[in-house]
Amino acid sequence: QVQLVESGGGLVQAGGSLRLSCVASGLTFSTYAMGWFRQVPGREREFVAAISWGGGSKYYIDSVKGRFTISRDNAKNTVYLQMNSLKPEDTGGYYCAAKFTLKSVRNWGTSDFGSWGQGTQVTVSS
C-alpha cells in the first residue's frame, strides 16, 4: 500500500528555516501530485502547497508565498518543503499527501488526496 513518511520538523526561532521531506513508497510516484498540509489542535487541516507530477506546476496559499518552496525528486520518490522566514503562526503538524493526477495543481482540499503521512511537528517560537 501507499506509505508516506515525513521528516525534518523541529523547534526553530522566528525567522529561521526548516526543510521538510516526505518519502513515498507503494506508488508510481511520478504519476502523483503531492501536497503539504498543516494542522493545529482544534482547527481543520489547512492546505499549504502542492506540486504536480513533474514539478512544472506549483501552488501556494497566500500566507506562505515567497517564504516556502515545494519541490520534488522523482528519482528519490521524495517531496520537499523548504520553509524560510518562519513565523509563530506556521506552527503545527505538517502532513504530506498524494493525489493520483497528471493535471496542474490548484488549491485542493483534504478530500482531494487519497494518501497521507503521519506528520512531522513544526514549532516556531517568538
PDB file of N, CA and C in Angstrom:
ATOM      1  N   GLN A   1       0.842  -1.189   0.000  1.00  0.00           N
ATOM      2  CA  GLN A   1       0.000   0.000   0.000  1.00  0.00           C
ATOM      3  C   GLN A   1       0.878   1.240   0.000  1.00  0.00           C
ATOM      4  N   VAL A   2       0.234   2.385  -0.246  1.00  0.00           N
ATOM      5  CA  VAL A   2       0.970   3.640  -0.268  1.00  0.00           C
ATOM      6  C   VAL A   2       1.410   4.012   1.145  1.00  0.00           C
ATOM      7  N   GLN A   3       2.662   4.403   1.244  1.00  0.00           N
ATOM      8  CA  GLN A   3       3.199   4.857   2.521  1.00  0.00           C
ATOM      9  C   GLN A   3       3.939   6.160   2.303  1.00  0.00           C
ATOM     10  N   LEU A   4       3.635   7.142   3.142  1.00  0.00           N
ATOM     11  CA  LEU A   4       4.297   8.442   3.096  1.00  0.00           C
ATOM     12  C   LEU A   4       4.908   8.698   4.466  1.00  0.00           C
ATOM     13  N   VAL A   5       6.194   9.043   4.485  1.00  0.00           N
ATOM     14  CA  VAL A   5       6.887   9.257   5.741  1.00  0.00           C
ATOM     15  C   VAL A   5       7.555  10.630   5.727  1.00  0.00           C
ATOM     16  N   GLU A   6       7.071  11.502   6.620  1.00  0.00           N
ATOM     17  CA  GLU A   6       7.623  12.858   6.729  1.00  0.00           C
ATOM     18  C   GLU A   6       8.763  12.902   7.734  1.00  0.00           C
ATOM     19  N   SER A   7       9.639  13.867   7.533  1.00  0.00           N
ATOM     20  CA  SER A   7      10.713  14.135   8.483  1.00  0.00           C
ATOM     21  C   SER A   7      11.157  15.577   8.312  1.00  0.00           C
ATOM     22  N   GLY A   8      11.964  16.036   9.273  1.00  0.00           N
ATOM     23  CA  GLY A   8      12.540  17.367   9.163  1.00  0.00           C
ATOM     24  C   GLY A   8      11.927  18.424  10.059  1.00  0.00           C
ATOM     25  N   GLY A   9      10.880  18.079  10.770  1.00  0.00           N
ATOM     26  CA  GLY A   9      10.282  19.054  11.674  1.00  0.00           C
ATOM     27  C   GLY A   9      11.166  19.308  12.877  1.00  0.00           C
ATOM     28  N   GLY A  10      10.771  20.288  13.675  1.00  0.00           N
ATOM     29  CA  GLY A  10      11.538  20.611  14.867  1.00  0.00           C
ATOM     30  C   GLY A  10      11.136  21.939  15.446  1.00  0.00           C
ATOM     31  N   LEU A  11      11.940  22.401  16.393  1.00  0.00           N
ATOM     32  CA  LEU A  11      11.723  23.685  17.060  1.00  0.00           C
ATOM     33  C   LEU A  11      12.698  24.702  16.482  1.00  0.00           C
ATOM     34  N   VAL A  12      12.184  25.843  16.078  1.00  0.00           N
ATOM     35  CA  VAL A  12      13.020  26.872  15.479  1.00  0.00           C
ATOM     36  C   VAL A  12      12.516  28.243  15.912  1.00  0.00           C
ATOM     37  N   GLN A  13      13.419  29.191  15.988  1.00  0.00           N
ATOM     38  CA  GLN A  13      13.021  30.554  16.332  1.00  0.00           C
ATOM     39  C   GLN A  13      12.415  31.251  15.123  1.00  0.00           C
ATOM     40  N   ALA A  14      11.584  32.224  15.397  1.00  0.00           N
ATOM     41  CA  ALA A  14      11.003  33.017  14.319  1.00  0.00           C
ATOM     42  C   ALA A  14      12.114  33.594  13.440  1.00  0.00           C
ATOM     43  N   GLY A  15      11.891  33.530  12.140  1.00  0.00           N
ATOM     44  CA  GLY A  15      12.891  33.968  11.185  1.00  0.00           C
ATOM     45  C   GLY A  15      13.795  32.859  10.688  1.00  0.00           C
ATOM     46  N   GLY A  16      13.729  31.717  11.350  1.00  0.00           N
ATOM     47  CA  GLY A  16      14.563  30.589  10.971  1.00  0.00           C
ATOM     48  C   GLY A  16      14.000  29.780   9.815  1.00  0.00           C
ATOM     49  N   SER A  17      14.672  28.675   9.525  1.00  0.00           N
ATOM     50  CA  SER A  17      14.300  27.834   8.386  1.00  0.00           C
ATOM     51  C   SER A  17      14.262  26.369   8.785  1.00  0.00           C
ATOM     52  N   LEU A  18      13.436  25.645   8.075  1.00  0.00           N
ATOM     53  CA  LEU A  18      13.386  24.188   8.181  1.00  0.00           C
ATOM     54  C   LEU A  18      13.119  23.618   6.795  1.00  0.00           C
ATOM     55  N   ARG A  19      13.583  22.408   6.566  1.00  0.00           N
ATOM     56  CA  ARG A  19      13.286  21.710   5.328  1.00  0.00           C
ATOM     57  C   ARG A  19      12.627  20.380   5.655  1.00  0.00           C
ATOM     58  N   LEU A  20      11.387  20.259   5.247  1.00  0.00           N
ATOM     59  CA  LEU A  20      10.648  19.023   5.444  1.00  0.00           C
ATOM     60  C   LEU A  20      10.834  18.108   4.241  1.00  0.00           C
ATOM     61  N   SER A  21      10.861  16.808   4.524  1.00  0.00           N
ATOM     62  CA  SER A  21      10.943  15.806   3.454  1.00  0.00           C
ATOM     63  C   SER A  21       9.810  14.804   3.630  1.00  0.00           C
ATOM     64  N   CYS A  22       9.393  14.229   2.539  1.00  0.00           N
ATOM     65  CA  CYS A  22       8.372  13.176   2.570  1.00  0.00           C
ATOM     66  C   CYS A  22       8.778  12.133   1.545  1.00  0.00           C
ATOM     67  N   VAL A  23       9.052  10.925   2.031  1.00  0.00           N
ATOM     68  CA  VAL A  23       9.437   9.829   1.157  1.00  0.00           C
ATOM     69  C   VAL A  23       8.229   8.935   0.926  1.00  0.00           C
ATOM     70  N   ALA A  24       7.959   8.650  -0.332  1.00  0.00           N
ATOM     71  CA  ALA A  24       6.797   7.852  -0.700  1.00  0.00           C
ATOM     72  C   ALA A  24       7.209   6.465  -1.170  1.00  0.00           C
ATOM     73  N   SER A  25       6.364   5.490  -0.889  1.00  0.00           N
ATOM     74  CA  SER A  25       6.578   4.134  -1.381  1.00  0.00           C
ATOM     75  C   SER A  25       5.216   3.509  -1.672  1.00  0.00           C
ATOM     76  N   GLY A  26       5.234   2.438  -2.477  1.00  0.00           N
ATOM     77  CA  GLY A  26       3.991   1.756  -2.785  1.00  0.00           C
ATOM     78  C   GLY A  26       3.166   2.408  -3.874  1.00  0.00           C
ATOM     79  N   LEU A  27       3.758   3.333  -4.630  1.00  0.00           N
ATOM     80  CA  LEU A  27       3.054   4.015  -5.698  1.00  0.00           C
ATOM     81  C   LEU A  27       4.036   4.400  -6.790  1.00  0.00           C
ATOM     82  N   THR A  28       3.480   4.670  -7.972  1.00  0.00           N
ATOM     83  CA  THR A  28       4.310   5.200  -9.047  1.00  0.00           C
ATOM     84  C   THR A  28       4.376   6.707  -8.848  1.00  0.00           C
ATOM     85  N   PHE A  29       5.414   7.132  -8.165  1.00  0.00           N
ATOM     86  CA  PHE A  29       5.497   8.493  -7.630  1.00  0.00           C
ATOM     87  C   PHE A  29       5.318   9.542  -8.722  1.00  0.00           C
ATOM     88  N   SER A  30       5.846   9.295  -9.899  1.00  0.00           N
ATOM     89  CA  SER A  30       5.821  10.298 -10.964  1.00  0.00           C
ATOM     90  C   SER A  30       4.442  10.489 -11.580  1.00  0.00           C
ATOM     91  N   THR A  31       3.439   9.750 -11.133  1.00  0.00           N
ATOM     92  CA  THR A  31       2.069   9.945 -11.614  1.00  0.00           C
ATOM     93  C   THR A  31       1.181  10.593 -10.560  1.00  0.00           C
ATOM     94  N   TYR A  32       1.800  11.051  -9.480  1.00  0.00           N
ATOM     95  CA  TYR A  32       1.064  11.648  -8.367  1.00  0.00           C
ATOM     96  C   TYR A  32       1.469  13.098  -8.167  1.00  0.00           C
ATOM     97  N   ALA A  33       0.462  13.944  -7.997  1.00  0.00           N
ATOM     98  CA  ALA A  33       0.719  15.266  -7.443  1.00  0.00           C
ATOM     99  C   ALA A  33       0.898  15.089  -5.937  1.00  0.00           C
ATOM    100  N   MET A  34       1.706  15.965  -5.350  1.00  0.00           N
ATOM    101  CA  MET A  34       1.974  15.888  -3.919  1.00  0.00           C
ATOM    102  C   MET A  34       1.617  17.209  -3.255  1.00  0.00           C
ATOM    103  N   GLY A  35       1.107  17.100  -2.052  1.00  0.00           N
ATOM    104  CA  GLY A  35       0.725  18.306  -1.320  1.00  0.00           C
ATOM    105  C   GLY A  35       1.245  18.285   0.102  1.00  0.00           C
ATOM    106  N   TRP A  36       1.327  19.472   0.660  1.00  0.00           N
ATOM    107  CA  TRP A  36       1.648  19.642   2.077  1.00  0.00           C
ATOM    108  C   TRP A  36       0.477  20.360   2.748  1.00  0.00           C
ATOM    109  N   PHE A  37       0.091  19.863   3.905  1.00  0.00           N
ATOM    110  CA  PHE A  37      -0.955  20.448   4.725  1.00  0.00           C
ATOM    111  C   PHE A  37      -0.381  20.682   6.123  1.00  0.00           C
ATOM    112  N   ARG A  38      -1.060  21.502   6.904  1.00  0.00           N
ATOM    113  CA  ARG A  38      -0.674  21.675   8.293  1.00  0.00           C
ATOM    114  C   ARG A  38      -1.922  21.757   9.155  1.00  0.00           C
ATOM    115  N   GLN A  39      -1.749  21.447  10.413  1.00  0.00           N
ATOM    116  CA  GLN A  39      -2.888  21.432  11.333  1.00  0.00           C
ATOM    117  C   GLN A  39      -2.431  21.744  12.743  1.00  0.00           C
ATOM    118  N   VAL A  40      -3.222  22.561  13.418  1.00  0.00           N
ATOM    119  CA  VAL A  40      -3.021  22.814  14.835  1.00  0.00           C
ATOM    120  C   VAL A  40      -4.219  22.237  15.568  1.00  0.00           C
ATOM    121  N   PRO A  41      -4.031  21.861  16.836  1.00  0.00           N
ATOM    122  CA  PRO A  41      -5.151  21.257  17.586  1.00  0.00           C
ATOM    123  C   PRO A  41      -6.378  22.161  17.599  1.00  0.00           C
ATOM    124  N   GLY A  42      -7.533  21.558  17.353  1.00  0.00           N
ATOM    125  CA  GLY A  42      -8.772  22.303  17.398  1.00  0.00           C
ATOM    126  C   GLY A  42      -9.147  22.987  16.105  1.00  0.00           C
ATOM    127  N   ARG A  43      -8.279  22.874  15.095  1.00  0.00           N
ATOM    128  CA  ARG A  43      -8.567  23.522  13.817  1.00  0.00           C
ATOM    129  C   ARG A  43      -8.488  22.508  12.681  1.00  0.00           C
ATOM    130  N   GLU A  44      -9.136  22.846  11.577  1.00  0.00           N
ATOM    131  CA  GLU A  44      -9.118  21.952  10.425  1.00  0.00           C
ATOM    132  C   GLU A  44      -7.733  21.927   9.795  1.00  0.00           C
ATOM    133  N   ARG A  45      -7.473  20.818   9.130  1.00  0.00           N
ATOM    134  CA  ARG A  45      -6.211  20.695   8.412  1.00  0.00           C
ATOM    135  C   ARG A  45      -6.228  21.678   7.239  1.00  0.00           C
ATOM    136  N   GLU A  46      -5.134  22.417   7.097  1.00  0.00           N
ATOM    137  CA  GLU A  46      -5.059  23.513   6.132  1.00  0.00           C
ATOM    138  C   GLU A  46      -4.101  23.168   4.990  1.00  0.00           C
ATOM    139  N   PHE A  47      -4.566  23.378   3.768  1.00  0.00           N
ATOM    140  CA  PHE A  47      -3.707  23.201   2.606  1.00  0.00           C
ATOM    141  C   PHE A  47      -2.616  24.266   2.601  1.00  0.00           C
ATOM    142  N   VAL A  48      -1.376  23.860   2.300  1.00  0.00           N
ATOM    143  CA  VAL A  48      -0.251  24.788   2.303  1.00  0.00           C
ATOM    144  C   VAL A  48       0.322  24.956   0.890  1.00  0.00           C
ATOM    145  N   ALA A  49       0.627  23.837   0.239  1.00  0.00           N
ATOM    146  CA  ALA A  49       1.262  23.904  -1.077  1.00  0.00           C
ATOM    147  C   ALA A  49       1.085  22.571  -1.795  1.00  0.00           C
ATOM    148  N   ALA A  50       1.214  22.622  -3.116  1.00  0.00           N
ATOM    149  CA  ALA A  50       1.142  21.399  -3.910  1.00  0.00           C
ATOM    150  C   ALA A  50       2.052  21.517  -5.113  1.00  0.00           C
ATOM    151  N   ILE A  51       2.461  20.365  -5.635  1.00  0.00           N
ATOM    152  CA  ILE A  51       3.329  20.310  -6.802  1.00  0.00           C
ATOM    153  C   ILE A  51       2.832  19.190  -7.714  1.00  0.00           C
ATOM    154  N   SER A  52       2.863  19.470  -9.006  1.00  0.00           N
ATOM    155  CA  SER A  52       2.372  18.484  -9.970  1.00  0.00           C
ATOM    156  C   SER A  52       3.340  17.326 -10.124  1.00  0.00           C
ATOM    157  N   TRP A  53       2.935  16.321 -10.854  1.00  0.00           N
ATOM    158  CA  TRP A  53       3.694  15.082 -11.007  1.00  0.00           C
ATOM    159  C   TRP A  53       5.119  15.319 -11.504  1.00  0.00           C
ATOM    160  N   GLY A  54       5.291  16.292 -12.396  1.00  0.00           N
ATOM    161  CA  GLY A  54       6.614  16.554 -12.953  1.00  0.00           C
ATOM    162  C   GLY A  54       7.295  17.771 -12.364  1.00  0.00           C
ATOM    163  N   GLY A  55       6.612  18.469 -11.475  1.00  0.00           N
ATOM    164  CA  GLY A  55       7.193  19.646 -10.847  1.00  0.00           C
ATOM    165  C   GLY A  55       6.964  20.942 -11.603  1.00  0.00           C
ATOM    166  N   GLY A  56       6.278  20.888 -12.743  1.00  0.00           N
ATOM    167  CA  GLY A  56       6.096  22.084 -13.542  1.00  0.00           C
ATOM    168  C   GLY A  56       4.979  22.997 -13.090  1.00  0.00           C
ATOM    169  N   SER A  57       4.142  22.509 -12.219  1.00  0.00           N
ATOM    170  CA  SER A  57       3.029  23.302 -11.699  1.00  0.00           C
ATOM    171  C   SER A  57       3.082  23.276 -10.181  1.00  0.00           C
ATOM    172  N   LYS A  58       3.016  24.473  -9.577  1.00  0.00           N
ATOM    173  CA  LYS A  58       3.050  24.576  -8.123  1.00  0.00           C
ATOM    174  C   LYS A  58       1.972  25.544  -7.658  1.00  0.00           C
ATOM    175  N   TYR A  59       1.515  25.339  -6.448  1.00  0.00           N
ATOM    176  CA  TYR A  59       0.504  26.225  -5.866  1.00  0.00           C
ATOM    177  C   TYR A  59       0.826  26.431  -4.397  1.00  0.00           C
ATOM    178  N   TYR A  60       0.679  27.676  -3.939  1.00  0.00           N
ATOM    179  CA  TYR A  60       0.908  28.024  -2.535  1.00  0.00           C
ATOM    180  C   TYR A  60      -0.266  28.848  -2.027  1.00  0.00           C
ATOM    181  N   ILE A  61      -0.564  28.688  -0.750  1.00  0.00           N
ATOM    182  CA  ILE A  61      -1.521  29.614  -0.154  1.00  0.00           C
ATOM    183  C   ILE A  61      -0.818  30.957   0.038  1.00  0.00           C
ATOM    184  N   ASP A  62      -1.613  32.012   0.108  1.00  0.00           N
ATOM    185  CA  ASP A  62      -1.046  33.360   0.142  1.00  0.00           C
ATOM    186  C   ASP A  62      -0.101  33.572   1.323  1.00  0.00           C
ATOM    187  N   SER A  63      -0.414  32.988   2.454  1.00  0.00           N
ATOM    188  CA  SER A  63       0.357  33.263   3.667  1.00  0.00           C
ATOM    189  C   SER A  63       1.777  32.698   3.628  1.00  0.00           C
ATOM    190  N   VAL A  64       2.070  31.809   2.691  1.00  0.00           N
ATOM    191  CA  VAL A  64       3.422  31.233   2.631  1.00  0.00           C
ATOM    192  C   VAL A  64       4.151  31.612   1.346  1.00  0.00           C
ATOM    193  N   LYS A  65       3.491  32.282   0.436  1.00  0.00           N
ATOM    194  CA  LYS A  65       4.136  32.682  -0.823  1.00  0.00           C
ATOM    195  C   LYS A  65       5.359  33.537  -0.542  1.00  0.00           C
ATOM    196  N   GLY A  66       6.451  33.213  -1.226  1.00  0.00           N
ATOM    197  CA  GLY A  66       7.690  33.952  -1.044  1.00  0.00           C
ATOM    198  C   GLY A  66       8.531  33.455   0.117  1.00  0.00           C
ATOM    199  N   ARG A  67       7.965  32.590   0.963  1.00  0.00           N
ATOM    200  CA  ARG A  67       8.708  32.054   2.119  1.00  0.00           C
ATOM    201  C   ARG A  67       8.916  30.542   2.004  1.00  0.00           C
ATOM    202  N   PHE A  68       7.938  29.832   1.470  1.00  0.00           N
ATOM    203  CA  PHE A  68       8.004  28.379   1.348  1.00  0.00           C
ATOM    204  C   PHE A  68       8.223  27.994  -0.117  1.00  0.00           C
ATOM    205  N   THR A  69       8.948  26.911  -0.324  1.00  0.00           N
ATOM    206  CA  THR A  69       9.163  26.377  -1.665  1.00  0.00           C
ATOM    207  C   THR A  69       8.943  24.877  -1.647  1.00  0.00           C
ATOM    208  N   ILE A  70       8.064  24.410  -2.510  1.00  0.00           N
ATOM    209  CA  ILE A  70       7.827  22.982  -2.642  1.00  0.00           C
ATOM    210  C   ILE A  70       8.608  22.468  -3.855  1.00  0.00           C
ATOM    211  N   SER A  71       9.200  21.299  -3.708  1.00  0.00           N
ATOM    212  CA  SER A  71       9.948  20.698  -4.806  1.00  0.00           C
ATOM    213  C   SER A  71       9.861  19.183  -4.680  1.00  0.00           C
ATOM    214  N   ARG A  72      10.310  18.492  -5.703  1.00  0.00           N
ATOM    215  CA  ARG A  72      10.260  17.028  -5.665  1.00  0.00           C
ATOM    216  C   ARG A  72      11.433  16.455  -6.446  1.00  0.00           C
ATOM    217  N   ASP A  73      11.794  15.237  -6.079  1.00  0.00           N
ATOM    218  CA  ASP A  73      12.812  14.480  -6.786  1.00  0.00           C
ATOM    219  C   ASP A  73      12.203  13.121  -7.093  1.00  0.00           C
ATOM    220  N   ASN A  74      11.762  12.941  -8.314  1.00  0.00           N
ATOM    221  CA  ASN A  74      11.066  11.701  -8.663  1.00  0.00           C
ATOM    222  C   ASN A  74      11.986  10.492  -8.637  1.00  0.00           C
ATOM    223  N   ALA A  75      13.280  10.713  -8.809  1.00  0.00           N
ATOM    224  CA  ALA A  75      14.222   9.593  -8.738  1.00  0.00           C
ATOM    225  C   ALA A  75      14.347   9.064  -7.314  1.00  0.00           C
ATOM    226  N   LYS A  76      14.030   9.916  -6.342  1.00  0.00           N
ATOM    227  CA  LYS A  76      14.123   9.527  -4.932  1.00  0.00           C
ATOM    228  C   LYS A  76      12.759   9.362  -4.276  1.00  0.00           C
ATOM    229  N   ASN A  77      11.688   9.494  -5.078  1.00  0.00           N
ATOM    230  CA  ASN A  77      10.326   9.374  -4.521  1.00  0.00           C
ATOM    231  C   ASN A  77      10.125  10.302  -3.321  1.00  0.00           C
ATOM    232  N   THR A  78      10.626  11.507  -3.443  1.00  0.00           N
ATOM    233  CA  THR A  78      10.625  12.432  -2.306  1.00  0.00           C
ATOM    234  C   THR A  78      10.100  13.795  -2.717  1.00  0.00           C
ATOM    235  N   VAL A  79       9.294  14.374  -1.841  1.00  0.00           N
ATOM    236  CA  VAL A  79       8.834  15.753  -1.997  1.00  0.00           C
ATOM    237  C   VAL A  79       9.352  16.546  -0.796  1.00  0.00           C
ATOM    238  N   TYR A  80       9.701  17.796  -1.038  1.00  0.00           N
ATOM    239  CA  TYR A  80      10.297  18.656  -0.012  1.00  0.00           C
ATOM    240  C   TYR A  80       9.445  19.904   0.198  1.00  0.00           C
ATOM    241  N   LEU A  81       9.582  20.473   1.374  1.00  0.00           N
ATOM    242  CA  LEU A  81       9.007  21.783   1.641  1.00  0.00           C
ATOM    243  C   LEU A  81      10.077  22.594   2.376  1.00  0.00           C
ATOM    244  N   GLN A  82      10.687  23.517   1.655  1.00  0.00           N
ATOM    245  CA  GLN A  82      11.666  24.414   2.251  1.00  0.00           C
ATOM    246  C   GLN A  82      10.915  25.596   2.848  1.00  0.00           C
ATOM    247  N   MET A  83      11.084  25.812   4.133  1.00  0.00           N
ATOM    248  CA  MET A  83      10.351  26.858   4.841  1.00  0.00           C
ATOM    249  C   MET A  83      11.348  27.866   5.393  1.00  0.00           C
ATOM    250  N   ASN A  84      11.295  29.076   4.888  1.00  0.00           N
ATOM    251  CA  ASN A  84      12.168  30.159   5.329  1.00  0.00           C
ATOM    252  C   ASN A  84      11.344  31.249   6.012  1.00  0.00           C
ATOM    253  N   SER A  85      12.037  32.106   6.734  1.00  0.00           N
ATOM    254  CA  SER A  85      11.381  33.227   7.427  1.00  0.00           C
ATOM    255  C   SER A  85      10.162  32.746   8.211  1.00  0.00           C
ATOM    256  N   LEU A  86      10.360  31.713   8.974  1.00  0.00           N
ATOM    257  CA  LEU A  86       9.245  31.100   9.695  1.00  0.00           C
ATOM    258  C   LEU A  86       8.670  32.056  10.730  1.00  0.00           C
ATOM    259  N   LYS A  87       7.361  31.933  10.921  1.00  0.00           N
ATOM    260  CA  LYS A  87       6.627  32.756  11.868  1.00  0.00           C
ATOM    261  C   LYS A  87       5.933  31.843  12.886  1.00  0.00           C
ATOM    262  N   PRO A  88       5.621  32.384  14.058  1.00  0.00           N
ATOM    263  CA  PRO A  88       4.911  31.540  15.050  1.00  0.00           C
ATOM    264  C   PRO A  88       3.611  30.948  14.500  1.00  0.00           C
ATOM    265  N   GLU A  89       2.940  31.662  13.626  1.00  0.00           N
ATOM    266  CA  GLU A  89       1.690  31.136  13.074  1.00  0.00           C
ATOM    267  C   GLU A  89       1.901  29.997  12.088  1.00  0.00           C
ATOM    268  N   ASP A  90       3.142  29.671  11.765  1.00  0.00           N
ATOM    269  CA  ASP A  90       3.428  28.492  10.944  1.00  0.00           C
ATOM    270  C   ASP A  90       3.488  27.222  11.782  1.00  0.00           C
ATOM    271  N   THR A  91       3.402  27.367  13.082  1.00  0.00           N
ATOM    272  CA  THR A  91       3.444  26.214  13.977  1.00  0.00           C
ATOM    273  C   THR A  91       2.307  25.254  13.695  1.00  0.00           C
ATOM    274  N   GLY A  92       2.627  23.944  13.722  1.00  0.00           N
ATOM    275  CA  GLY A  92       1.598  22.936  13.526  1.00  0.00           C
ATOM    276  C   GLY A  92       2.196  21.618  13.099  1.00  0.00           C
ATOM    277  N   GLY A  93       1.350  20.608  12.983  1.00  0.00           N
ATOM    278  CA  GLY A  93       1.754  19.344  12.407  1.00  0.00           C
ATOM    279  C   GLY A  93       1.697  19.469  10.902  1.00  0.00           C
ATOM    280  N   TYR A  94       2.751  19.066  10.234  1.00  0.00           N
ATOM    281  CA  TYR A  94       2.810  19.165   8.772  1.00  0.00           C
ATOM    282  C   TYR A  94       2.695  17.765   8.176  1.00  0.00           C
ATOM    283  N   TYR A  95       1.793  17.646   7.217  1.00  0.00           N
ATOM    284  CA  TYR A  95       1.469  16.357   6.631  1.00  0.00           C
ATOM    285  C   TYR A  95       1.654  16.411   5.117  1.00  0.00           C
ATOM    286  N   CYS A  96       2.258  15.388   4.559  1.00  0.00           N
ATOM    287  CA  CYS A  96       2.278  15.312   3.105  1.00  0.00           C
ATOM    288  C   CYS A  96       1.174  14.368   2.645  1.00  0.00           C
ATOM    289  N   ALA A  97       0.749  14.574   1.409  1.00  0.00           N
ATOM    290  CA  ALA A  97      -0.363  13.817   0.862  1.00  0.00           C
ATOM    291  C   ALA A  97      -0.155  13.596  -0.628  1.00  0.00           C
ATOM    292  N   ALA A  98      -0.720  12.515  -1.139  1.00  0.00           N
ATOM    293  CA  ALA A  98      -0.548  12.151  -2.543  1.00  0.00           C
ATOM    294  C   ALA A  98      -1.889  12.087  -3.252  1.00  0.00           C
ATOM    295  N   LYS A  99      -1.898  12.614  -4.485  1.00  0.00           N
ATOM    296  CA  LYS A  99      -3.108  12.628  -5.301  1.00  0.00           C
ATOM    297  C   LYS A  99      -2.772  12.113  -6.679  1.00  0.00           C
ATOM    298  N   PHE A 100      -3.439  11.041  -7.099  1.00  0.00           N
ATOM    299  CA  PHE A 100      -3.190  10.459  -8.405  1.00  0.00           C
ATOM    300  C   PHE A 100      -3.794  11.355  -9.477  1.00  0.00           C
ATOM    301  N   THR A 101      -2.954  12.168 -10.135  1.00  0.00           N
ATOM    302  CA  THR A 101      -3.407  13.030 -11.199  1.00  0.00           C
ATOM    303  C   THR A 101      -2.217  13.529 -12.011  1.00  0.00           C
ATOM    304  N   LEU A 102      -2.455  13.765 -13.290  1.00  0.00           N
ATOM    305  CA  LEU A 102      -1.440  14.354 -14.156  1.00  0.00           C
ATOM    306  C   LEU A 102      -1.819  15.783 -14.528  1.00  0.00           C
ATOM    307  N   LYS A 103      -2.827  16.340 -13.840  1.00  0.00           N
ATOM    308  CA  LYS A 103      -3.292  17.693 -14.116  1.00  0.00           C
ATOM    309  C   LYS A 103      -2.471  18.716 -13.342  1.00  0.00           C
ATOM    310  N   SER A 104      -2.624  19.965 -13.717  1.00  0.00           N
ATOM    311  CA  SER A 104      -1.958  21.043 -12.976  1.00  0.00           C
ATOM    312  C   SER A 104      -2.558  21.150 -11.579  1.00  0.00           C
ATOM    313  N   VAL A 105      -1.772  21.676 -10.663  1.00  0.00           N
ATOM    314  CA  VAL A 105      -2.243  21.758  -9.280  1.00  0.00           C
ATOM    315  C   VAL A 105      -3.068  23.024  -9.078  1.00  0.00           C
ATOM    316  N   ARG A 106      -3.835  23.005  -7.999  1.00  0.00           N
ATOM    317  CA  ARG A 106      -4.634  24.172  -7.608  1.00  0.00           C
ATOM    318  C   ARG A 106      -4.835  24.086  -6.105  1.00  0.00           C
ATOM    319  N   ASN A 107      -5.688  24.928  -5.591  1.00  0.00           N
ATOM    320  CA  ASN A 107      -5.965  24.939  -4.163  1.00  0.00           C
ATOM    321  C   ASN A 107      -6.892  23.771  -3.828  1.00  0.00           C
ATOM    322  N   TRP A 108      -6.299  22.634  -3.513  1.00  0.00           N
ATOM    323  CA  TRP A 108      -7.068  21.437  -3.220  1.00  0.00           C
ATOM    324  C   TRP A 108      -7.403  21.338  -1.742  1.00  0.00           C
ATOM    325  N   GLY A 109      -8.421  20.547  -1.436  1.00  0.00           N
ATOM    326  CA  GLY A 109      -8.787  20.295  -0.060  1.00  0.00           C
ATOM    327  C   GLY A 109      -8.334  18.911   0.376  1.00  0.00           C
ATOM    328  N   THR A 110      -8.552  18.609   1.638  1.00  0.00           N
ATOM    329  CA  THR A 110      -8.120  17.312   2.159  1.00  0.00           C
ATOM    330  C   THR A 110      -8.802  16.156   1.437  1.00  0.00           C
ATOM    331  N   SER A 111     -10.035  16.343   1.015  1.00  0.00           N
ATOM    332  CA  SER A 111     -10.766  15.247   0.365  1.00  0.00           C
ATOM    333  C   SER A 111     -10.228  14.927  -1.023  1.00  0.00           C
ATOM    334  N   ASP A 112      -9.400  15.785  -1.579  1.00  0.00           N
ATOM    335  CA  ASP A 112      -8.820  15.549  -2.903  1.00  0.00           C
ATOM    336  C   ASP A 112      -7.658  14.569  -2.858  1.00  0.00           C
ATOM    337  N   PHE A 113      -7.136  14.307  -1.688  1.00  0.00           N
ATOM    338  CA  PHE A 113      -5.955  13.451  -1.555  1.00  0.00           C
ATOM    339  C   PHE A 113      -6.335  12.104  -0.956  1.00  0.00           C
ATOM    340  N   GLY A 114      -5.753  11.051  -1.516  1.00  0.00           N
ATOM    341  CA  GLY A 114      -6.123   9.714  -1.080  1.00  0.00           C
ATOM    342  C   GLY A 114      -5.169   9.073  -0.095  1.00  0.00           C
ATOM    343  N   SER A 115      -3.966   9.618   0.008  1.00  0.00           N
ATOM    344  CA  SER A 115      -2.972   9.008   0.881  1.00  0.00           C
ATOM    345  C   SER A 115      -2.291  10.082   1.709  1.00  0.00           C
ATOM    346  N   TRP A 116      -2.010   9.743   2.970  1.00  0.00           N
ATOM    347  CA  TRP A 116      -1.463  10.709   3.924  1.00  0.00           C
ATOM    348  C   TRP A 116      -0.325  10.101   4.724  1.00  0.00           C
ATOM    349  N   GLY A 117       0.608  10.972   5.118  1.00  0.00           N
ATOM    350  CA  GLY A 117       1.624  10.568   6.057  1.00  0.00           C
ATOM    351  C   GLY A 117       1.170  10.804   7.486  1.00  0.00           C
ATOM    352  N   GLN A 118       2.033  10.465   8.430  1.00  0.00           N
ATOM    353  CA  GLN A 118       1.695  10.603   9.852  1.00  0.00           C
ATOM    354  C   GLN A 118       2.004  11.988  10.396  1.00  0.00           C
ATOM    355  N   GLY A 119       2.760  12.762   9.651  1.00  0.00           N
ATOM    356  CA  GLY A 119       3.018  14.138  10.041  1.00  0.00           C
ATOM    357  C   GLY A 119       4.337  14.330  10.773  1.00  0.00           C
ATOM    358  N   THR A 120       4.817  15.555  10.728  1.00  0.00           N
ATOM    359  CA  THR A 120       6.001  15.967  11.476  1.00  0.00           C
ATOM    360  C   THR A 120       5.710  17.327  12.088  1.00  0.00           C
ATOM    361  N   GLN A 121       6.090  17.508  13.342  1.00  0.00           N
ATOM    362  CA  GLN A 121       5.727  18.732  14.088  1.00  0.00           C
ATOM    363  C   GLN A 121       6.724  19.845  13.810  1.00  0.00           C
ATOM    364  N   VAL A 122       6.177  21.010  13.541  1.00  0.00           N
ATOM    365  CA  VAL A 122       6.970  22.231  13.390  1.00  0.00           C
ATOM    366  C   VAL A 122       6.510  23.217  14.453  1.00  0.00           C
ATOM    367  N   THR A 123       7.453  23.695  15.252  1.00  0.00           N
ATOM    368  CA  THR A 123       7.153  24.673  16.293  1.00  0.00           C
ATOM    369  C   THR A 123       8.063  25.873  16.104  1.00  0.00           C
ATOM    370  N   VAL A 124       7.451  27.036  15.947  1.00  0.00           N
ATOM    371  CA  VAL A 124       8.198  28.272  15.747  1.00  0.00           C
ATOM    372  C   VAL A 124       7.983  29.149  16.968  1.00  0.00           C
ATOM    373  N   SER A 125       9.051  29.439  17.653  1.00  0.00           N
ATOM    374  CA  SER A 125       8.962  30.266  18.852  1.00  0.00           C
ATOM    375  C   SER A 125       9.183  31.732  18.512  1.00  0.00           C
ATOM    376  N   SER A 126       8.537  32.588  19.273  1.00  0.00           N
ATOM    377  CA  SER A 126       8.653  34.035  19.009  1.00  0.00           C
ATOM    378  C   SER A 126       9.809  34.649  19.767  1.00  0.00           C
TER     379      SER A 126
END
